[in-house]
C-alpha cells in the first residue's frame, strides 16, 4: 500500500472531496486525522474508516483559529508521532457579489478560510516535516485559481492566492524534502455547487455539457489526483497545478 504507516492530516474532511480523500488514504494504509467543525460528521467518517480496517481520529478544528491549529498539529504528533502528508482542503464558497456589493465580512471570511488558513497550517507543519526529512503537501485550489468568472471576487482572489502560495512555498521548502503541489477541481458534484447543478439551464451546466467529459466530476475523482500528488510517485513534481475538471477550463 502506498501510504503504509504514514500519517495524514486532511482539513475539511467531514464531507465531499475531503472525506473521499481521507477514506482513500486510509484504504492505502495511512493513519488519518479527520478535521472539521461538525463533530457528528467527523465521527461518522472515522467510523467508516475504522469499519473498513483503517485508522483515524477526529480533531474538531476551526482552521481560521491559530490556537486550534496548534492543537490539531499537537494532537496528530501526540497520537502518531509524525506528520507525513497534509491536504489543505477546507474551504468556503462566496457569493457572486461584485466589488460594489460584497461586504467586508464576507471578504474576510473567504480569505481567512481559503488562503490564510492553509498558510497558517503549513507554517506549523513544514518544520515538523523538515525535521523528519520530508513530506507531501497538497493544496486544494480551484478552477477559479486561473481565471475570473468562476467564483465571486473573494473566492477567485483567495484561490489565485492559494496557487501562488503553493508555488512560493514549493520554491522555499522543496529542498527540505517536501513536495508541495495543488489540485484545481472543476465543477464537482458536492454540496458547494449542488444548487447550481440542479438548474439545467444555468451557464455552468451548459458549459459542462460542452466540455470533453460532459458531466460534473465526483469527489473520488479529485481524491485520486490528490493521492497521486501526496505519494512518492510524484516526488519529482513540485509547485504544480493539476486541473481535475473534465476539460472544463480548456476552452
Protein backbone atom coordinates (compact mmCIF):
# COMPACT_ATOMS: atom_id res chain seq x y z
CA UNK A 1 0.00 0.00 0.00
CA UNK A 2 1.30 3.44 -0.98
CA UNK A 3 0.80 5.08 2.41
CA UNK A 4 1.51 2.29 4.85
CA UNK A 5 2.33 3.74 8.29
CA UNK A 6 2.23 7.34 7.02
CA UNK A 7 0.25 9.98 8.89
CA UNK A 8 -2.03 12.37 7.02
CA UNK A 9 -3.95 15.45 8.12
CA UNK A 10 -6.87 16.29 5.83
CA UNK A 11 -8.68 19.52 6.60
CA UNK A 12 -12.33 19.85 5.68
CA UNK A 13 -12.63 16.06 5.65
CA UNK A 14 -16.12 15.60 7.07
CA UNK A 15 -17.73 15.67 3.61
CA UNK A 16 -17.13 15.98 -0.12
CA UNK A 17 -13.63 15.91 -1.56
CA UNK A 18 -12.00 15.88 1.89
CA UNK A 19 -13.98 12.89 3.10
CA UNK A 20 -13.30 10.96 -0.11
CA UNK A 21 -9.59 11.76 0.19
CA UNK A 22 -9.39 10.67 3.82
CA UNK A 23 -11.09 7.36 3.07
CA UNK A 24 -8.81 6.58 0.12
CA UNK A 25 -5.71 7.48 2.14
CA UNK A 26 -6.82 5.18 4.94
CA UNK A 27 -7.59 2.39 2.47
CA UNK A 28 -3.99 2.61 1.30
CA UNK A 29 -2.53 2.38 4.78
CA UNK A 30 -2.39 5.94 6.07
CA UNK A 31 -3.35 6.94 9.59
CA UNK A 32 -5.66 9.87 9.02
CA UNK A 33 -6.60 12.88 11.12
CA UNK A 34 -10.11 13.94 10.16
CA UNK A 35 -10.57 17.69 10.55
CA UNK A 36 -13.76 19.75 10.59
CA UNK A 37 -16.12 21.76 12.73
CA UNK A 38 -19.01 19.29 12.98
CA UNK A 39 -18.32 16.54 15.48
CA UNK A 40 -21.12 14.24 14.34
CA UNK A 41 -19.99 14.32 10.71
CA UNK A 42 -16.34 13.88 11.66
CA UNK A 43 -17.04 10.89 13.86
CA UNK A 44 -19.12 9.35 11.06
CA UNK A 45 -16.15 9.50 8.67
CA UNK A 46 -13.90 7.99 11.35
CA UNK A 47 -16.42 5.19 11.90
CA UNK A 48 -16.42 4.37 8.17
CA UNK A 49 -12.64 4.22 8.10
CA UNK A 50 -12.45 2.03 11.20
CA UNK A 51 -15.14 -0.30 9.85
CA UNK A 52 -13.06 -0.76 6.69
CA UNK A 53 -9.99 -1.69 8.74
CA UNK A 54 -8.26 1.68 8.63
CA UNK A 55 -7.06 4.01 11.36
CA UNK A 56 -8.25 7.56 12.02
CA UNK A 57 -9.41 10.02 14.63
CA UNK A 58 -11.37 13.27 14.52
CA UNK A 59 -9.99 16.60 15.70
CA UNK A 60 -12.60 19.35 15.83
CA UNK A 61 -10.88 22.42 14.41
CA UNK A 62 -11.77 25.85 13.14
CA UNK A 63 -8.93 26.32 10.65
CA UNK A 64 -9.10 30.11 11.00
CA UNK A 65 -8.04 29.85 14.66
CA UNK A 66 -4.32 29.73 15.32
CA UNK A 67 -4.91 28.21 18.74
CA UNK A 68 -6.98 25.40 17.27
CA UNK A 69 -4.41 24.76 14.53
CA UNK A 70 -1.75 24.45 17.24
CA UNK A 71 -3.97 21.89 18.98
CA UNK A 72 -4.54 19.99 15.71
CA UNK A 73 -0.85 19.61 14.95
CA UNK A 74 -0.07 18.65 18.54
CA UNK A 75 -2.89 16.09 18.60
CA UNK A 76 -1.51 14.42 15.48
CA UNK A 77 2.00 14.32 16.97
CA UNK A 78 0.76 13.08 20.34
CA UNK A 79 -1.22 10.28 18.70
CA UNK A 80 1.11 9.19 15.91
CA UNK A 81 4.46 10.94 16.46
CA UNK A 82 4.79 12.28 12.94
CA UNK A 83 3.05 14.08 10.05
CA UNK A 84 3.86 12.90 6.54
CA UNK A 85 1.01 14.31 4.49
CA UNK A 86 -1.04 17.49 4.69
CA UNK A 87 -4.08 18.07 2.48
CA UNK A 88 -5.41 21.63 2.74
CA UNK A 89 -8.96 21.04 1.61
CA UNK A 90 -11.07 23.14 3.99
CA UNK A 91 -12.78 25.96 2.15
CA UNK A 92 -15.91 28.04 1.83
CA UNK A 93 -17.67 29.45 -1.19
CA UNK A 94 -18.64 33.05 -1.57
CA UNK A 95 -21.43 34.98 -3.17
CA UNK A 96 -21.19 36.31 -6.70
CA UNK A 97 -21.32 39.85 -5.37
CA UNK A 98 -19.14 42.32 -7.24
CA UNK A 99 -16.88 44.98 -5.76
CA UNK A 100 -19.83 47.31 -5.10
CA UNK A 101 -21.85 44.63 -3.32
CA UNK A 102 -19.50 42.43 -1.30
CA UNK A 103 -19.27 43.10 2.40
CA UNK A 104 -16.02 43.35 4.31
CA UNK A 105 -17.22 40.46 6.48
CA UNK A 106 -17.65 38.11 3.50
CA UNK A 107 -14.27 39.09 2.07
CA UNK A 108 -12.54 38.47 5.39
CA UNK A 109 -14.26 35.11 5.95
CA UNK A 110 -13.47 33.71 2.50
CA UNK A 111 -9.84 34.87 2.54
CA UNK A 112 -9.34 33.64 6.11
CA UNK A 113 -10.58 30.14 5.33
CA UNK A 114 -9.35 29.62 1.77
CA UNK A 115 -5.96 31.34 1.87
CA UNK A 116 -4.78 32.36 5.32
CA UNK A 117 -5.67 29.03 6.95
CA UNK A 118 -3.56 26.94 4.52
CA UNK A 119 -0.66 29.34 5.12
CA UNK A 120 -1.03 29.07 8.87
CA UNK A 121 -1.21 25.28 8.99
CA UNK A 122 1.74 24.90 6.58
CA UNK A 123 3.71 27.26 8.81
CA UNK A 124 3.15 24.77 11.64
CA UNK A 125 3.54 21.51 9.71
CA UNK A 126 6.52 22.23 7.45
CA UNK A 127 9.06 22.42 10.31
CA UNK A 128 7.79 19.03 11.53
CA UNK A 129 8.21 17.55 8.06
CA UNK A 130 11.64 19.09 7.53
CA UNK A 131 12.85 17.73 10.84
CA UNK A 132 11.70 14.25 9.77
CA UNK A 133 13.37 14.54 6.35
CA UNK A 134 10.37 15.27 4.12
CA UNK A 135 6.70 15.03 3.40
CA UNK A 136 3.94 15.91 0.97
CA UNK A 137 1.51 18.83 0.90
CA UNK A 138 -1.44 19.10 -1.46
CA UNK A 139 -3.46 22.31 -1.55
CA UNK A 140 -6.97 22.05 -2.95
CA UNK A 141 -7.27 25.15 -5.09
CA UNK A 142 -9.88 25.53 -7.85
CA UNK A 143 -10.53 26.21 -11.49
CA UNK A 144 -11.06 29.73 -10.11
CA UNK A 145 -7.30 29.82 -9.42
CA UNK A 146 -6.51 30.57 -13.06
CA UNK A 147 -9.39 32.65 -14.38
CA UNK A 148 -12.10 35.10 -13.42
CA UNK A 149 -15.81 34.44 -13.69
CA UNK A 150 -15.64 31.04 -11.97
CA UNK A 151 -16.32 32.31 -8.45
CA UNK A 152 -17.09 35.51 -6.64
CA UNK A 153 -14.48 38.22 -6.16
CA UNK A 154 -13.37 36.90 -2.76
CA UNK A 155 -13.30 33.23 -3.77
CA UNK A 156 -11.43 33.90 -7.02
CA UNK A 157 -8.90 36.11 -5.24
CA UNK A 158 -8.34 33.54 -2.48
CA UNK A 159 -7.88 30.65 -4.91
CA UNK A 160 -5.49 32.65 -7.10
CA UNK A 161 -3.57 33.40 -3.92
CA UNK A 162 -3.52 29.75 -2.86
CA UNK A 163 -1.94 28.74 -6.15
CA UNK A 164 0.70 31.45 -5.76
CA UNK A 165 1.30 30.35 -2.18
CA UNK A 166 1.74 26.76 -3.33
CA UNK A 167 4.40 27.73 -5.83
CA UNK A 168 6.28 30.02 -3.45
CA UNK A 169 6.30 27.52 -0.58
CA UNK A 170 7.49 24.85 -3.01
CA UNK A 171 10.37 27.07 -4.06
CA UNK A 172 11.21 27.96 -0.48
CA UNK A 173 10.92 24.49 1.08
CA UNK A 174 11.28 21.93 -1.70
CA UNK A 175 14.94 21.48 -0.83
CA UNK A 176 13.86 20.23 2.58
CA UNK A 177 12.44 17.05 1.09
CA UNK A 178 8.87 18.30 0.91
CA UNK A 179 6.95 18.28 -2.35
CA UNK A 180 4.12 20.79 -2.46
CA UNK A 181 1.51 20.90 -5.21
CA UNK A 182 -2.07 21.93 -5.89
CA UNK A 183 -5.10 20.32 -7.46
CA UNK A 184 -7.58 22.53 -9.30
CA UNK A 185 -11.00 20.88 -9.20
CA UNK A 186 -13.57 21.94 -11.74
CA UNK A 187 -17.33 21.53 -11.24
CA UNK A 188 -17.54 18.69 -8.72
CA UNK A 189 -20.82 17.22 -7.51
CA UNK A 190 -20.63 18.38 -3.89
CA UNK A 191 -22.83 20.41 -1.57
CA UNK A 192 -20.99 23.59 -2.54
CA UNK A 193 -22.48 23.68 -6.06
CA UNK A 194 -25.45 21.32 -5.66
CA UNK A 195 -27.92 24.17 -6.07
CA UNK A 196 -26.36 25.23 -9.37
CA UNK A 197 -26.14 21.68 -10.72
CA UNK A 198 -29.87 21.33 -10.11
CA UNK A 199 -30.57 24.11 -12.65
CA UNK A 200 -30.17 22.60 -16.17
CA UNK A 201 -30.17 25.99 -17.92
CA UNK A 202 -27.52 27.52 -15.67
CA UNK A 203 -24.45 28.63 -17.71
CA UNK A 204 -22.25 26.31 -15.63
CA UNK A 205 -24.28 23.29 -16.69
CA UNK A 206 -24.34 24.40 -20.31
CA UNK A 207 -20.53 24.58 -20.33
CA UNK A 208 -20.23 21.25 -18.51
CA UNK A 209 -22.20 19.63 -21.34
CA UNK A 210 -19.81 21.18 -23.87
CA UNK A 211 -16.67 20.01 -22.03
CA UNK A 212 -14.92 16.77 -23.06
CA UNK A 213 -16.17 14.87 -20.01
CA UNK A 214 -19.69 16.19 -20.44
CA UNK A 215 -20.56 15.80 -16.77
CA UNK A 216 -19.63 17.12 -13.33
CA UNK A 217 -16.86 15.30 -11.50
CA UNK A 218 -17.18 13.12 -8.43
CA UNK A 219 -15.29 13.78 -5.18
CA UNK A 220 -13.44 10.46 -5.53
CA UNK A 221 -12.00 11.58 -8.88
CA UNK A 222 -10.37 14.58 -7.25
CA UNK A 223 -9.29 12.43 -4.29
CA UNK A 224 -7.40 10.08 -6.60
CA UNK A 225 -5.45 13.02 -8.02
CA UNK A 226 -4.68 14.21 -4.51
CA UNK A 227 -3.38 10.76 -3.57
CA UNK A 228 -1.07 10.77 -6.58
CA UNK A 229 0.38 14.15 -5.59
CA UNK A 230 0.71 13.03 -1.97
CA UNK A 231 2.55 9.84 -2.89
CA UNK A 232 6.16 9.09 -3.71
CA UNK A 233 5.05 8.59 -7.33
CA UNK A 234 5.03 12.38 -7.67
CA UNK A 235 8.33 13.04 -5.89
CA UNK A 236 9.73 14.95 -8.91
CA UNK A 237 6.65 17.15 -9.23
CA UNK A 238 6.98 20.48 -7.43
CA UNK A 239 4.77 23.55 -7.41
CA UNK A 240 2.42 22.07 -9.99
CA UNK A 241 -1.24 22.86 -10.59
CA UNK A 242 -3.12 19.73 -11.67
CA UNK A 243 -6.51 20.50 -13.20
CA UNK A 244 -9.17 17.89 -12.42
CA UNK A 245 -12.06 19.42 -14.30
CA UNK A 246 -13.13 17.16 -17.17
CA UNK A 247 -11.69 19.68 -19.60
CA UNK A 248 -13.94 22.49 -18.35
CA UNK A 249 -11.15 25.09 -18.42
CA UNK A 250 -9.54 24.22 -21.77
CA UNK A 251 -11.95 26.48 -23.62
